[in-house]
C-alpha atoms as a PDB file:
ATOM      1  CA  UNK A   1     -20.116 -14.050  26.503  1.00  0.00           C
ATOM      2  CA  UNK A   2     -17.492 -14.337  23.997  1.00  0.00           C
ATOM      3  CA  UNK A   3     -15.753 -11.508  23.167  1.00  0.00           C
ATOM      4  CA  UNK A   4     -15.190 -11.442  18.994  1.00  0.00           C
ATOM      5  CA  UNK A   5     -12.588  -8.850  17.991  1.00  0.00           C
ATOM      6  CA  UNK A   6     -12.730  -7.814  14.622  1.00  0.00           C
ATOM      7  CA  UNK A   7      -9.169  -7.965  12.709  1.00  0.00           C
ATOM      8  CA  UNK A   8      -8.826  -4.368  11.115  1.00  0.00           C
ATOM      9  CA  UNK A   9      -5.459  -4.093  10.561  1.00  0.00           C
ATOM     10  CA  UNK A  10      -4.368  -2.811   7.064  1.00  0.00           C
ATOM     11  CA  UNK A  11      -2.058  -4.611   4.685  1.00  0.00           C
ATOM     12  CA  UNK A  12      -0.444  -3.644   1.229  1.00  0.00           C
ATOM     13  CA  UNK A  13      -0.357  -6.787  -1.009  1.00  0.00           C
ATOM     14  CA  UNK A  14       1.938  -5.893  -4.323  1.00  0.00           C
ATOM     15  CA  UNK A  15       1.519  -7.445  -7.858  1.00  0.00           C
ATOM     16  CA  UNK A  16       3.742  -7.385 -10.570  1.00  0.00           C
ATOM     17  CA  UNK A  17       2.373  -7.973 -13.918  1.00  0.00           C
ATOM     18  CA  UNK A  18       4.183  -8.510 -17.272  1.00  0.00           C
ATOM     19  CA  UNK A  19       2.148  -6.283 -19.477  1.00  0.00           C
ATOM     20  CA  UNK A  20      -1.015  -3.622 -19.588  1.00  0.00           C
ATOM     21  CA  UNK A  21      -3.869  -5.980 -20.119  1.00  0.00           C
ATOM     22  CA  UNK A  22      -3.213  -8.479 -17.344  1.00  0.00           C
ATOM     23  CA  UNK A  23      -3.296  -5.521 -14.936  1.00  0.00           C
ATOM     24  CA  UNK A  24      -6.370  -3.918 -16.367  1.00  0.00           C
ATOM     25  CA  UNK A  25      -8.255  -7.335 -15.920  1.00  0.00           C
ATOM     26  CA  UNK A  26      -6.447  -7.423 -12.342  1.00  0.00           C
ATOM     27  CA  UNK A  27      -7.752  -4.146 -11.385  1.00  0.00           C
ATOM     28  CA  UNK A  28     -11.431  -4.927 -12.912  1.00  0.00           C
ATOM     29  CA  UNK A  29     -11.283  -8.997 -10.864  1.00  0.00           C
ATOM     30  CA  UNK A  30     -10.443  -6.137  -7.614  1.00  0.00           C
ATOM     31  CA  UNK A  31     -13.183  -4.360  -8.095  1.00  0.00           C
ATOM     32  CA  UNK A  32     -15.753  -6.855  -8.726  1.00  0.00           C
ATOM     33  CA  UNK A  33     -14.073  -8.318  -4.983  1.00  0.00           C
ATOM     34  CA  UNK A  34     -15.376  -4.795  -3.035  1.00  0.00           C
ATOM     35  CA  UNK A  35     -12.208  -2.985  -3.457  1.00  0.00           C
ATOM     36  CA  UNK A  36     -11.832   0.813  -4.149  1.00  0.00           C
ATOM     37  CA  UNK A  37     -10.446   2.767  -6.445  1.00  0.00           C
ATOM     38  CA  UNK A  38      -8.443   4.838  -3.654  1.00  0.00           C
ATOM     39  CA  UNK A  39      -6.998   1.749  -2.745  1.00  0.00           C
ATOM     40  CA  UNK A  40      -5.289   0.577  -5.624  1.00  0.00           C
ATOM     41  CA  UNK A  41      -1.999   2.383  -6.982  1.00  0.00           C
ATOM     42  CA  UNK A  42      -0.364   1.427 -10.224  1.00  0.00           C
ATOM     43  CA  UNK A  43       3.341   1.399 -10.165  1.00  0.00           C
ATOM     44  CA  UNK A  44       4.644   2.261 -13.894  1.00  0.00           C
ATOM     45  CA  UNK A  45       7.907   2.893 -15.372  1.00  0.00           C
ATOM     46  CA  UNK A  46       6.090   4.021 -18.448  1.00  0.00           C
ATOM     47  CA  UNK A  47       2.953   6.787 -18.665  1.00  0.00           C
ATOM     48  CA  UNK A  48       0.021   4.881 -18.413  1.00  0.00           C
ATOM     49  CA  UNK A  49      -3.262   6.612 -18.878  1.00  0.00           C
ATOM     50  CA  UNK A  50      -6.212   6.205 -17.225  1.00  0.00           C
ATOM     51  CA  UNK A  51      -8.500   5.069 -19.699  1.00  0.00           C
ATOM     52  CA  UNK A  52      -6.146   2.646 -20.734  1.00  0.00           C
ATOM     53  CA  UNK A  53      -6.739   0.702 -17.234  1.00  0.00           C
ATOM     54  CA  UNK A  54     -10.592   1.813 -17.294  1.00  0.00           C
ATOM     55  CA  UNK A  55      -9.867   3.735 -14.168  1.00  0.00           C
ATOM     56  CA  UNK A  56     -11.340   6.997 -12.990  1.00  0.00           C
ATOM     57  CA  UNK A  57      -9.682  10.074 -14.488  1.00  0.00           C
ATOM     58  CA  UNK A  58      -7.456  11.485 -11.607  1.00  0.00           C
ATOM     59  CA  UNK A  59      -8.453  15.388 -10.656  1.00  0.00           C
ATOM     60  CA  UNK A  60      -5.287  17.493 -10.422  1.00  0.00           C
ATOM     61  CA  UNK A  61      -4.994  21.301  -9.455  1.00  0.00           C
ATOM     62  CA  UNK A  62      -2.199  21.909 -11.859  1.00  0.00           C
ATOM     63  CA  UNK A  63      -4.711  24.022 -14.138  1.00  0.00           C
ATOM     64  CA  UNK A  64      -6.096  25.871 -12.175  1.00  0.00           C
ATOM     65  CA  UNK A  65      -2.351  26.947 -10.299  1.00  0.00           C
ATOM     66  CA  UNK A  66      -1.454  27.469 -13.988  1.00  0.00           C
ATOM     67  CA  UNK A  67      -4.204  29.603 -14.636  1.00  0.00           C
ATOM     68  CA  UNK A  68      -4.019  31.477 -11.577  1.00  0.00           C
ATOM     69  CA  UNK A  69       0.135  32.181 -13.136  1.00  0.00           C
ATOM     70  CA  UNK A  70      -1.350  33.401 -16.252  1.00  0.00           C
ATOM     71  CA  UNK A  71      -3.495  35.667 -14.408  1.00  0.00           C
ATOM     72  CA  UNK A  72      -0.252  37.047 -12.330  1.00  0.00           C
ATOM     73  CA  UNK A  73       1.707  36.973 -15.232  1.00  0.00           C
ATOM     74  CA  UNK A  74      -0.855  39.132 -17.050  1.00  0.00           C
ATOM     75  CA  UNK A  75      -1.580  41.755 -14.597  1.00  0.00           C
ATOM     76  CA  UNK A  76       2.054  42.376 -14.357  1.00  0.00           C
ATOM     77  CA  UNK A  77       2.270  42.703 -18.038  1.00  0.00           C
ATOM     78  CA  UNK A  78      -0.298  45.672 -17.684  1.00  0.00           C
ATOM     79  CA  UNK A  79       1.265  46.905 -15.122  1.00  0.00           C
ATOM     80  CA  UNK A  80       4.843  47.548 -16.870  1.00  0.00           C
ATOM     81  CA  UNK A  81       2.809  48.303 -20.177  1.00  0.00           C
ATOM     82  CA  UNK A  82       0.300  50.856 -18.895  1.00  0.00           C
ATOM     83  CA  UNK A  83       1.360  51.864 -15.880  1.00  0.00           C
ATOM     84  CA  UNK A  84       4.783  52.222 -15.331  1.00  0.00           C
ATOM     85  CA  UNK A  85       5.153  54.797 -18.028  1.00  0.00           C
ATOM     86  CA  UNK A  86       3.302  57.066 -16.026  1.00  0.00           C
ATOM     87  CA  UNK A  87       5.827  57.021 -13.000  1.00  0.00           C
ATOM     88  CA  UNK A  88       8.852  58.099 -15.407  1.00  0.00           C
ATOM     89  CA  UNK A  89       8.888  62.130 -14.149  1.00  0.00           C
ATOM     90  CA  UNK A  90       9.555  63.082 -17.787  1.00  0.00           C
ATOM     91  CA  UNK A  91       7.396  60.960 -20.136  1.00  0.00           C
ATOM     92  CA  UNK A  92       9.299  59.863 -23.407  1.00  0.00           C
ATOM     93  CA  UNK A  93       7.564  60.582 -26.670  1.00  0.00           C
ATOM     94  CA  UNK A  94       8.799  58.709 -29.334  1.00  0.00           C
ATOM     95  CA  UNK A  95       8.474  60.277 -32.206  1.00  0.00           C
ATOM     96  CA  UNK A  96       4.880  59.914 -33.513  1.00  0.00           C
ATOM     97  CA  UNK A  97       4.040  56.959 -31.713  1.00  0.00           C
ATOM     98  CA  UNK A  98       1.543  56.730 -29.172  1.00  0.00           C
ATOM     99  CA  UNK A  99       2.962  56.991 -25.524  1.00  0.00           C
ATOM    100  CA  UNK A 100       1.699  53.321 -25.124  1.00  0.00           C
ATOM    101  CA  UNK A 101       2.483  51.757 -28.526  1.00  0.00           C
ATOM    102  CA  UNK A 102      -0.119  49.026 -29.401  1.00  0.00           C
ATOM    103  CA  UNK A 103       2.388  46.198 -31.063  1.00  0.00           C
ATOM    104  CA  UNK A 104       5.201  46.038 -28.379  1.00  0.00           C
ATOM    105  CA  UNK A 105       2.491  46.285 -25.713  1.00  0.00           C
ATOM    106  CA  UNK A 106       1.045  43.134 -26.949  1.00  0.00           C
ATOM    107  CA  UNK A 107       4.223  41.480 -27.325  1.00  0.00           C
ATOM    108  CA  UNK A 108       5.129  42.331 -23.323  1.00  0.00           C
ATOM    109  CA  UNK A 109       1.127  40.953 -22.444  1.00  0.00           C
ATOM    110  CA  UNK A 110       1.606  37.801 -24.080  1.00  0.00           C
ATOM    111  CA  UNK A 111       4.910  36.876 -22.889  1.00  0.00           C
ATOM    112  CA  UNK A 112       4.746  37.787 -19.496  1.00  0.00           C
ATOM    113  CA  UNK A 113       1.611  36.043 -19.497  1.00  0.00           C
ATOM    114  CA  UNK A 114       2.722  32.845 -20.490  1.00  0.00           C
ATOM    115  CA  UNK A 115       5.581  33.229 -18.147  1.00  0.00           C
ATOM    116  CA  UNK A 116       3.726  33.331 -15.251  1.00  0.00           C
ATOM    117  CA  UNK A 117       1.668  29.875 -16.645  1.00  0.00           C
ATOM    118  CA  UNK A 118       4.976  28.754 -17.379  1.00  0.00           C
ATOM    119  CA  UNK A 119       6.539  29.009 -13.834  1.00  0.00           C
ATOM    120  CA  UNK A 120       3.174  28.062 -11.739  1.00  0.00           C
ATOM    121  CA  UNK A 121       2.729  24.868 -13.770  1.00  0.00           C
ATOM    122  CA  UNK A 122       5.971  24.130 -12.779  1.00  0.00           C
ATOM    123  CA  UNK A 123       5.612  24.898  -9.222  1.00  0.00           C
ATOM    124  CA  UNK A 124       2.200  22.727  -9.450  1.00  0.00           C
ATOM    125  CA  UNK A 125       3.408  19.996 -10.657  1.00  0.00           C
ATOM    126  CA  UNK A 126       6.107  19.990  -8.549  1.00  0.00           C
ATOM    127  CA  UNK A 127       4.198  20.571  -5.286  1.00  0.00           C
ATOM    128  CA  UNK A 128       1.213  18.373  -6.653  1.00  0.00           C
ATOM    129  CA  UNK A 129       3.625  15.309  -7.110  1.00  0.00           C
ATOM    130  CA  UNK A 130       4.459  15.934  -3.580  1.00  0.00           C
ATOM    131  CA  UNK A 131       7.819  15.909  -4.422  1.00  0.00           C
ATOM    132  CA  UNK A 132      10.469  15.904  -2.679  1.00  0.00           C
ATOM    133  CA  UNK A 133       9.153  13.153  -0.432  1.00  0.00           C
ATOM    134  CA  UNK A 134      10.989  12.264   2.760  1.00  0.00           C
ATOM    135  CA  UNK A 135       9.014   9.245   3.948  1.00  0.00           C
ATOM    136  CA  UNK A 136       9.188   5.775   3.416  1.00  0.00           C
ATOM    137  CA  UNK A 137       7.652   4.730  -0.401  1.00  0.00           C
ATOM    138  CA  UNK A 138       7.213   1.556  -2.025  1.00  0.00           C
ATOM    139  CA  UNK A 139       9.513   0.715  -3.833  1.00  0.00           C
ATOM    140  CA  UNK A 140       9.812  -2.034  -7.210  1.00  0.00           C
ATOM    141  CA  UNK A 141      12.541  -2.882  -8.947  1.00  0.00           C
ATOM    142  CA  UNK A 142      10.993  -4.612 -11.607  1.00  0.00           C
ATOM    143  CA  UNK A 143       9.545  -1.417 -12.773  1.00  0.00           C
ATOM    144  CA  UNK A 144      12.545  -0.779 -14.081  1.00  0.00           C
ATOM    145  CA  UNK A 145      12.430  -3.747 -16.662  1.00  0.00           C
ATOM    146  CA  UNK A 146       9.136  -2.420 -18.354  1.00  0.00           C
ATOM    147  CA  UNK A 147       6.959  -4.566 -16.312  1.00  0.00           C
ATOM    148  CA  UNK A 148       3.709  -3.085 -14.138  1.00  0.00           C
ATOM    149  CA  UNK A 149       2.748  -3.143 -10.591  1.00  0.00           C
ATOM    150  CA  UNK A 150      -0.568  -2.750  -8.637  1.00  0.00           C
ATOM    151  CA  UNK A 151      -0.527  -1.924  -4.964  1.00  0.00           C
ATOM    152  CA  UNK A 152      -3.578  -2.532  -3.289  1.00  0.00           C
ATOM    153  CA  UNK A 153      -4.743  -1.751   0.665  1.00  0.00           C
ATOM    154  CA  UNK A 154      -6.627  -4.443   1.644  1.00  0.00           C
ATOM    155  CA  UNK A 155      -7.807  -5.637   5.165  1.00  0.00           C
ATOM    156  CA  UNK A 156      -5.949  -8.546   6.397  1.00  0.00           C
ATOM    157  CA  UNK A 157      -8.887 -10.552   6.718  1.00  0.00           C
ATOM    158  CA  UNK A 158      -9.730 -10.255   3.093  1.00  0.00           C
ATOM    159  CA  UNK A 159      -5.357 -10.693   1.777  1.00  0.00           C
ATOM    160  CA  UNK A 160      -5.517 -14.002   0.838  1.00  0.00           C
ATOM    161  CA  UNK A 161      -8.597 -13.682  -1.303  1.00  0.00           C
ATOM    162  CA  UNK A 162      -6.985 -10.544  -3.116  1.00  0.00           C
ATOM    163  CA  UNK A 163      -4.085 -12.570  -3.520  1.00  0.00           C
ATOM    164  CA  UNK A 164      -5.101 -15.431  -5.351  1.00  0.00           C
ATOM    165  CA  UNK A 165      -7.849 -13.130  -7.343  1.00  0.00           C
ATOM    166  CA  UNK A 166      -4.268 -11.132  -8.581  1.00  0.00           C
ATOM    167  CA  UNK A 167      -2.410 -14.190  -9.197  1.00  0.00           C
ATOM    168  CA  UNK A 168      -5.545 -16.135 -11.189  1.00  0.00           C
ATOM    169  CA  UNK A 169      -6.010 -12.465 -13.838  1.00  0.00           C
ATOM    170  CA  UNK A 170      -1.770 -13.700 -14.417  1.00  0.00           C
ATOM    171  CA  UNK A 171       0.454 -11.737 -11.583  1.00  0.00           C
ATOM    172  CA  UNK A 172       4.035 -12.842 -11.733  1.00  0.00           C
ATOM    173  CA  UNK A 173       4.517 -12.282  -8.009  1.00  0.00           C
ATOM    174  CA  UNK A 174       2.328 -11.420  -5.439  1.00  0.00           C
ATOM    175  CA  UNK A 175       3.376 -10.272  -2.167  1.00  0.00           C
ATOM    176  CA  UNK A 176       3.018  -8.520   0.641  1.00  0.00           C
ATOM    177  CA  UNK A 177       4.844  -5.312   0.157  1.00  0.00           C
ATOM    178  CA  UNK A 178       6.992  -2.634   2.754  1.00  0.00           C
ATOM    179  CA  UNK A 179       8.047   0.900   2.630  1.00  0.00           C
ATOM    180  CA  UNK A 180      11.632   1.597   2.447  1.00  0.00           C
ATOM    181  CA  UNK A 181      14.208   4.433   2.178  1.00  0.00           C
ATOM    182  CA  UNK A 182      15.162   5.160  -1.951  1.00  0.00           C
END
């Protein structure tokens, strides 16, 4: 009986590309090698959409959080505009105007709805980006010079094959990645 040990160690491979086109070609090549999109991370100093690289759309919770904030803001505005005037011990009547006037109420409803949405959107983006993050992160100094990097998580057995494929697609450098404190 022979004892065969399967190498299941996961390694990170970092490839730096000079431009967007070779990076997109590398992602396509990695897919043909069987690397899943969840195992690839694109690091860029400029905004790069998923469509530019042929990657699936990233889902985020920010729209839901923003909608929740807008609803809370609207409910707060309804309270201020429609319920708060009835909490006074003596109602304040201004000339022939109705007790709850239309135009100022519309302004309060709009402004507090937008304020709730704005604050919750900021909070949602803050939380969705996992900021602040105190774990060691992969840092690529070349990104500051306008380059694009692809970080690939792969089994140790496939490391050489993936590194060769990345070099063939036009990577300037391919190396194992190490996490470091920033």
